[in-house]
């Protein structure tokens, strides 16, 4: 059998809905955890064997991807969980909530190792992929903060414009740099070791191009910006790091040409060859080929449901 020929026709993106994750019904016919619980955020671990789901009631459900059953439930927060992130070895889980707390969980023992209190809700948390004792925290309407564990010593990533506090941030895939984006469409890149500014550039000159999120491919040197002007901009990391002379042009610009939808969540496929984005207008997921920018598929969900988050199995 010619494997090269098979590979040429093999699609590395989903063609249709594969199924649903349903809680097992109890003996009395009721569903486990109650019907009022629903997912807000979700995150696969590095190898894709476990899926962590943050719920509106503050609980974290850890699902086994093979059996598609809940393997563990963490009673984590008093308010909805809005961000989750796995450590590289999958032994710890980082969670953030609108109750103004960030917690580190031991997945095996279900114990909370450490909790950090903030003056406002935290919108995103992330482990440094190569330094598990370093956390990136994005509090609402505040500058991003890097926390050292277990000391809890914070380092604030000071924005260039002190009046602009609508800032998103993310580590690159190796944890060497921190990328930040503000409401004016400007990206700043900082060293992880000393937090010195490496480079900065404007993603666009448009006035309505606030950066809503920054996502990195698991493989390859690419990242994307989900901007408020409804355009997803894809960049090469090397071009961004050398952006002090001229602003780099995105290698691709992706958008919905028909409905002009805003994007609630964007991410790369596990191999970095595709990009998916969940629409804010309707329950639809758009899939593009990264290299060509071609829209290859639109997956439609039930019209009565709202899309809140999307992540691609690694």
Protein backbone atom coordinates (compact mmCIF):
# COMPACT_ATOMS: atom_id res chain seq x y z
CA UNK A 1 0.00 0.00 0.00
CA UNK A 2 1.34 3.42 -0.97
CA UNK A 3 1.36 5.39 2.30
CA UNK A 4 2.50 8.60 0.59
CA UNK A 5 -0.53 8.44 -1.71
CA UNK A 6 -2.84 7.85 1.25
CA UNK A 7 -1.33 10.79 3.11
CA UNK A 8 -2.02 13.08 0.16
CA UNK A 9 -5.75 12.36 0.41
CA UNK A 10 -5.95 12.23 4.20
CA UNK A 11 -7.78 15.13 5.84
CA UNK A 12 -6.32 16.36 9.12
CA UNK A 13 -9.46 18.22 10.13
CA UNK A 14 -12.92 17.05 11.25
CA UNK A 15 -15.64 16.68 8.63
CA UNK A 16 -18.58 16.38 11.05
CA UNK A 17 -19.50 16.18 14.72
CA UNK A 18 -17.98 13.04 16.22
CA UNK A 19 -20.21 12.92 19.29
CA UNK A 20 -21.00 14.52 22.61
CA UNK A 21 -19.66 14.28 26.14
CA UNK A 22 -22.59 13.33 28.34
CA UNK A 23 -22.61 12.82 32.08
CA UNK A 24 -23.60 9.30 33.15
CA UNK A 25 -27.15 9.02 34.44
CA UNK A 26 -27.67 7.89 38.01
CA UNK A 27 -29.97 5.05 39.07
CA UNK A 28 -32.84 7.47 39.58
CA UNK A 29 -32.50 8.69 35.99
CA UNK A 30 -30.97 12.06 36.82
CA UNK A 31 -27.69 13.18 35.29
CA UNK A 32 -24.56 13.38 37.40
CA UNK A 33 -23.79 16.90 38.71
CA UNK A 34 -27.19 18.26 37.76
CA UNK A 35 -28.53 19.84 34.60
CA UNK A 36 -27.67 23.38 35.72
CA UNK A 37 -23.94 22.81 35.19
CA UNK A 38 -22.46 23.76 31.83
CA UNK A 39 -18.96 24.17 30.42
CA UNK A 40 -17.36 27.60 30.01
CA UNK A 41 -13.74 26.78 29.19
CA UNK A 42 -11.82 23.64 28.30
CA UNK A 43 -8.23 22.51 27.76
CA UNK A 44 -6.56 19.28 26.62
CA UNK A 45 -3.37 18.17 28.32
CA UNK A 46 -0.19 17.98 26.26
CA UNK A 47 -0.71 14.42 25.00
CA UNK A 48 -4.48 14.71 24.59
CA UNK A 49 -5.38 11.93 27.03
CA UNK A 50 -7.27 14.20 29.43
CA UNK A 51 -9.68 17.08 28.93
CA UNK A 52 -10.21 19.61 31.72
CA UNK A 53 -13.52 21.48 31.64
CA UNK A 54 -14.22 24.58 33.74
CA UNK A 55 -17.88 24.98 34.68
CA UNK A 56 -20.23 27.80 35.58
CA UNK A 57 -20.63 26.51 39.15
CA UNK A 58 -16.89 26.71 39.87
CA UNK A 59 -16.19 23.01 39.46
CA UNK A 60 -13.52 21.49 37.22
CA UNK A 61 -14.31 18.20 35.49
CA UNK A 62 -11.46 16.06 34.17
CA UNK A 63 -12.58 13.74 31.38
CA UNK A 64 -10.79 10.68 30.03
CA UNK A 65 -10.57 11.21 26.27
CA UNK A 66 -10.59 7.48 25.47
CA UNK A 67 -13.57 6.40 27.58
CA UNK A 68 -15.30 9.80 27.33
CA UNK A 69 -16.22 9.62 30.99
CA UNK A 70 -15.50 11.91 33.93
CA UNK A 71 -12.48 10.60 35.82
CA UNK A 72 -12.32 13.32 38.46
CA UNK A 73 -14.18 16.40 39.71
CA UNK A 74 -12.47 19.27 41.53
CA UNK A 75 -14.61 21.59 43.65
CA UNK A 76 -12.39 24.47 42.71
CA UNK A 77 -13.98 27.93 42.92
CA UNK A 78 -17.00 29.79 44.27
CA UNK A 79 -17.70 31.42 40.90
CA UNK A 80 -17.40 30.35 37.23
CA UNK A 81 -14.06 29.02 36.01
CA UNK A 82 -12.89 31.17 33.10
CA UNK A 83 -9.42 29.77 32.29
CA UNK A 84 -7.53 26.48 32.59
CA UNK A 85 -3.99 25.41 31.74
CA UNK A 86 -2.11 22.12 32.14
CA UNK A 87 1.51 21.80 33.20
CA UNK A 88 3.76 20.17 30.60
CA UNK A 89 3.88 16.88 32.53
CA UNK A 90 0.08 16.89 33.10
CA UNK A 91 0.56 16.49 36.85
CA UNK A 92 -0.73 19.95 37.73
CA UNK A 93 -3.64 22.06 36.56
CA UNK A 94 -3.90 25.84 36.77
CA UNK A 95 -7.32 27.46 37.13
CA UNK A 96 -8.68 31.01 37.24
CA UNK A 97 -12.12 32.23 38.18
CA UNK A 98 -14.30 35.30 38.39
CA UNK A 99 -14.01 34.91 42.19
CA UNK A 100 -10.64 36.73 41.82
CA UNK A 101 -8.52 33.66 42.58
CA UNK A 102 -5.93 31.55 40.77
CA UNK A 103 -5.27 28.02 42.03
CA UNK A 104 -2.73 25.28 41.30
CA UNK A 105 -4.12 21.73 41.56
CA UNK A 106 -2.39 18.39 41.98
CA UNK A 107 -4.35 16.31 39.48
CA UNK A 108 -3.52 12.93 41.03
CA UNK A 109 -4.40 13.80 44.63
CA UNK A 110 -7.03 16.48 43.82
CA UNK A 111 -5.31 18.73 46.38
CA UNK A 112 -5.01 22.49 45.93
CA UNK A 113 -1.28 23.22 46.16
CA UNK A 114 -1.52 27.00 46.19
CA UNK A 115 -4.04 29.82 45.74
CA UNK A 116 -3.36 33.43 44.77
CA UNK A 117 -5.83 36.25 45.44
CA UNK A 118 -6.30 39.17 43.03
CA UNK A 119 -8.30 42.42 43.32
CA UNK A 120 -10.35 41.60 40.23
CA UNK A 121 -11.50 38.65 38.09
CA UNK A 122 -8.72 36.82 36.24
CA UNK A 123 -9.38 36.18 32.55
CA UNK A 124 -6.42 33.95 31.66
CA UNK A 125 -3.71 31.88 33.35
CA UNK A 126 -0.84 29.93 31.83
CA UNK A 127 2.11 27.81 32.94
CA UNK A 128 5.49 28.54 31.37
CA UNK A 129 6.03 25.42 29.25
CA UNK A 130 9.71 25.11 30.26
CA UNK A 131 9.57 26.66 33.73
CA UNK A 132 6.72 25.10 35.72
CA UNK A 133 7.47 27.43 38.65
CA UNK A 134 6.45 30.47 36.59
CA UNK A 135 2.86 31.52 35.91
CA UNK A 136 1.40 34.18 33.61
CA UNK A 137 -1.80 35.80 34.89
CA UNK A 138 -4.04 38.26 33.03
CA UNK A 139 -6.31 40.10 35.51
CA UNK A 140 -9.23 42.07 34.08
CA UNK A 141 -8.41 45.75 33.46
CA UNK A 142 -4.90 45.29 34.89
CA UNK A 143 -1.46 44.70 33.41
CA UNK A 144 -0.33 41.05 33.04
CA UNK A 145 1.51 39.57 36.02
CA UNK A 146 4.16 36.84 36.18
CA UNK A 147 4.15 34.91 39.47
CA UNK A 148 7.01 32.80 40.81
CA UNK A 149 5.97 29.61 42.60
CA UNK A 150 5.98 28.81 45.48
CA UNK A 151 7.13 32.23 46.74
CA UNK A 152 4.20 34.00 45.09
CA UNK A 153 6.41 36.97 44.17
CA UNK A 154 4.67 38.92 41.36
CA UNK A 155 6.31 40.79 38.49
CA UNK A 156 4.08 43.21 36.59
CA UNK A 157 4.60 43.47 32.82
CA UNK A 158 4.37 47.24 32.54
CA UNK A 159 2.54 48.38 29.39
CA UNK A 160 4.02 51.09 27.18
CA UNK A 161 0.81 53.08 27.55
CA UNK A 162 -0.07 53.16 31.25
CA UNK A 163 -3.61 54.35 30.45
CA UNK A 164 -4.35 51.29 28.31
CA UNK A 165 -5.12 48.36 30.58
CA UNK A 166 -7.10 46.23 28.11
CA UNK A 167 -4.16 43.88 27.63
CA UNK A 168 -4.00 40.20 26.67
CA UNK A 169 -0.85 38.11 27.01
CA UNK A 170 0.55 34.67 26.25
CA UNK A 171 3.79 32.71 26.45
CA UNK A 172 5.18 31.44 23.18
CA UNK A 173 5.27 27.66 22.82
CA UNK A 174 8.74 27.33 24.33
CA UNK A 175 8.16 29.82 27.14
CA UNK A 176 11.05 32.05 26.07
CA UNK A 177 8.99 35.16 25.40
CA UNK A 178 5.77 36.80 26.57
CA UNK A 179 3.62 38.37 23.85
CA UNK A 180 1.15 41.09 24.86
CA UNK A 181 -1.52 42.85 22.82
CA UNK A 182 -3.48 46.00 23.66
CA UNK A 183 -6.65 47.80 22.61
CA UNK A 184 -4.78 49.78 19.94
CA UNK A 185 -3.59 46.69 18.08
CA UNK A 186 0.00 46.86 19.32
CA UNK A 187 2.01 43.74 20.11
CA UNK A 188 4.93 43.85 22.55
CA UNK A 189 7.33 40.94 23.09
CA UNK A 190 9.27 40.52 26.35
CA UNK A 191 12.04 38.19 27.48
CA UNK A 192 10.83 35.67 30.05
CA UNK A 193 14.04 35.80 32.11
CA UNK A 194 14.45 39.56 32.63
CA UNK A 195 11.13 40.92 31.25
CA UNK A 196 12.98 43.30 28.93
CA UNK A 197 11.19 44.48 25.79
CA UNK A 198 12.54 42.64 22.73
CA UNK A 199 10.40 44.11 19.96
CA UNK A 200 7.01 45.68 19.27
CA UNK A 201 4.81 46.33 16.25
CA UNK A 202 1.33 47.47 15.22
CA UNK A 203 -0.86 44.74 13.78
CA UNK A 204 -2.89 47.34 11.88
CA UNK A 205 -3.40 51.08 11.69
CA UNK A 206 -7.19 50.70 12.00
CA UNK A 207 -8.76 52.29 15.05
CA UNK A 208 -11.01 49.33 15.88
CA UNK A 209 -8.38 46.58 15.86
CA UNK A 210 -8.03 45.82 19.56
CA UNK A 211 -6.32 42.48 20.14
CA UNK A 212 -8.72 40.09 21.90
CA UNK A 213 -6.44 37.07 22.21
CA UNK A 214 -3.06 35.66 21.17
CA UNK A 215 -2.69 31.96 20.33
CA UNK A 216 0.41 29.92 19.41
CA UNK A 217 0.75 26.77 17.31
CA UNK A 218 1.97 23.68 19.18
CA UNK A 219 4.28 22.97 16.25
CA UNK A 220 6.01 25.46 14.00
CA UNK A 221 6.85 29.09 14.65
CA UNK A 222 3.44 30.67 14.13
CA UNK A 223 0.97 32.65 16.20
CA UNK A 224 -2.33 34.39 15.53
CA UNK A 225 -4.06 37.53 16.73
CA UNK A 226 -7.83 37.54 17.17
CA UNK A 227 -8.65 41.21 16.56
CA UNK A 228 -11.78 43.26 17.17
CA UNK A 229 -12.00 44.22 13.47
CA UNK A 230 -13.13 40.60 12.82
CA UNK A 231 -9.84 39.62 11.17
CA UNK A 232 -7.58 36.80 12.35
CA UNK A 233 -3.97 37.70 11.58
CA UNK A 234 -1.35 34.95 11.35
CA UNK A 235 2.33 35.80 11.91
CA UNK A 236 5.71 34.11 11.90
CA UNK A 237 7.44 34.37 15.29
CA UNK A 238 10.82 35.18 13.76
CA UNK A 239 9.35 38.11 11.83
CA UNK A 240 7.73 39.42 15.02
CA UNK A 241 10.97 39.18 17.03
CA UNK A 242 12.77 41.25 14.38
CA UNK A 243 10.03 43.87 14.10
CA UNK A 244 11.87 46.89 15.50
CA UNK A 245 12.67 48.37 12.07
CA UNK A 246 9.39 47.84 10.21
CA UNK A 247 6.04 46.37 11.23
CA UNK A 248 5.79 42.81 9.87
CA UNK A 249 2.93 41.95 7.57
CA UNK A 250 0.76 39.00 8.58
CA UNK A 251 1.40 35.95 6.43
CA UNK A 252 -2.36 35.38 6.29
CA UNK A 253 -5.55 37.30 7.11
CA UNK A 254 -8.62 35.21 7.81
CA UNK A 255 -12.22 36.41 8.09
CA UNK A 256 -15.82 35.42 7.42
CA UNK A 257 -16.56 37.12 4.11
CA UNK A 258 -20.29 36.34 4.25
CA UNK A 259 -21.53 37.26 7.73
CA UNK A 260 -18.53 39.26 8.97
CA UNK A 261 -18.65 37.49 12.31
CA UNK A 262 -16.57 38.33 15.36
CA UNK A 263 -14.61 35.38 16.72
CA UNK A 264 -15.14 34.14 20.26
CA UNK A 265 -12.17 31.77 20.29
CA UNK A 266 -9.41 30.82 17.85
CA UNK A 267 -6.75 28.10 17.93
CA UNK A 268 -4.35 26.04 15.80
CA UNK A 269 -4.67 22.35 15.03
CA UNK A 270 -2.32 19.96 16.81
CA UNK A 271 0.09 19.91 13.86
CA UNK A 272 -0.21 23.67 13.29
CA UNK A 273 -1.42 23.20 9.71
CA UNK A 274 -4.99 24.39 10.30
CA UNK A 275 -6.70 27.20 12.18
CA UNK A 276 -10.17 27.04 13.66
CA UNK A 277 -12.35 29.85 14.96
CA UNK A 278 -15.67 29.80 16.77
CA UNK A 279 -18.21 32.39 15.66
CA UNK A 280 -19.89 34.77 18.10
CA UNK A 281 -22.94 35.15 15.83
CA UNK A 282 -23.90 31.51 15.47
CA UNK A 283 -22.92 28.05 16.67
CA UNK A 284 -20.39 27.49 13.89
CA UNK A 285 -16.70 26.58 13.72
CA UNK A 286 -14.67 27.74 10.72
CA UNK A 287 -11.58 25.79 9.59
CA UNK A 288 -8.82 27.27 7.41
CA UNK A 289 -5.65 25.79 5.98
CA UNK A 290 -2.84 27.87 7.45
CA UNK A 291 -0.45 27.74 4.49
CA UNK A 292 -2.96 28.82 1.83
CA UNK A 293 -5.55 30.66 3.93
CA UNK A 294 -8.29 28.61 2.26
CA UNK A 295 -11.53 28.01 4.15
CA UNK A 296 -11.83 24.21 4.06
CA UNK A 297 -14.83 23.54 6.29
CA UNK A 298 -17.62 25.09 8.34
CA UNK A 299 -19.00 22.92 11.13
CA UNK A 300 -22.50 23.91 12.26
CA UNK A 301 -23.88 23.10 15.71
CA UNK A 302 -27.38 23.35 17.08
CA UNK A 303 -28.93 26.78 16.59
CA UNK A 304 -30.32 26.83 20.13
CA UNK A 305 -26.82 26.55 21.64
CA UNK A 306 -24.18 29.25 22.08
CA UNK A 307 -20.51 28.57 21.40
CA UNK A 308 -18.32 29.61 24.35
CA UNK A 309 -14.96 27.99 23.68
CA UNK A 310 -13.10 25.68 21.31
CA UNK A 311 -9.85 23.71 21.54
CA UNK A 312 -8.23 21.27 19.09
CA UNK A 313 -6.98 17.86 20.21
CA UNK A 314 -3.15 17.85 20.12
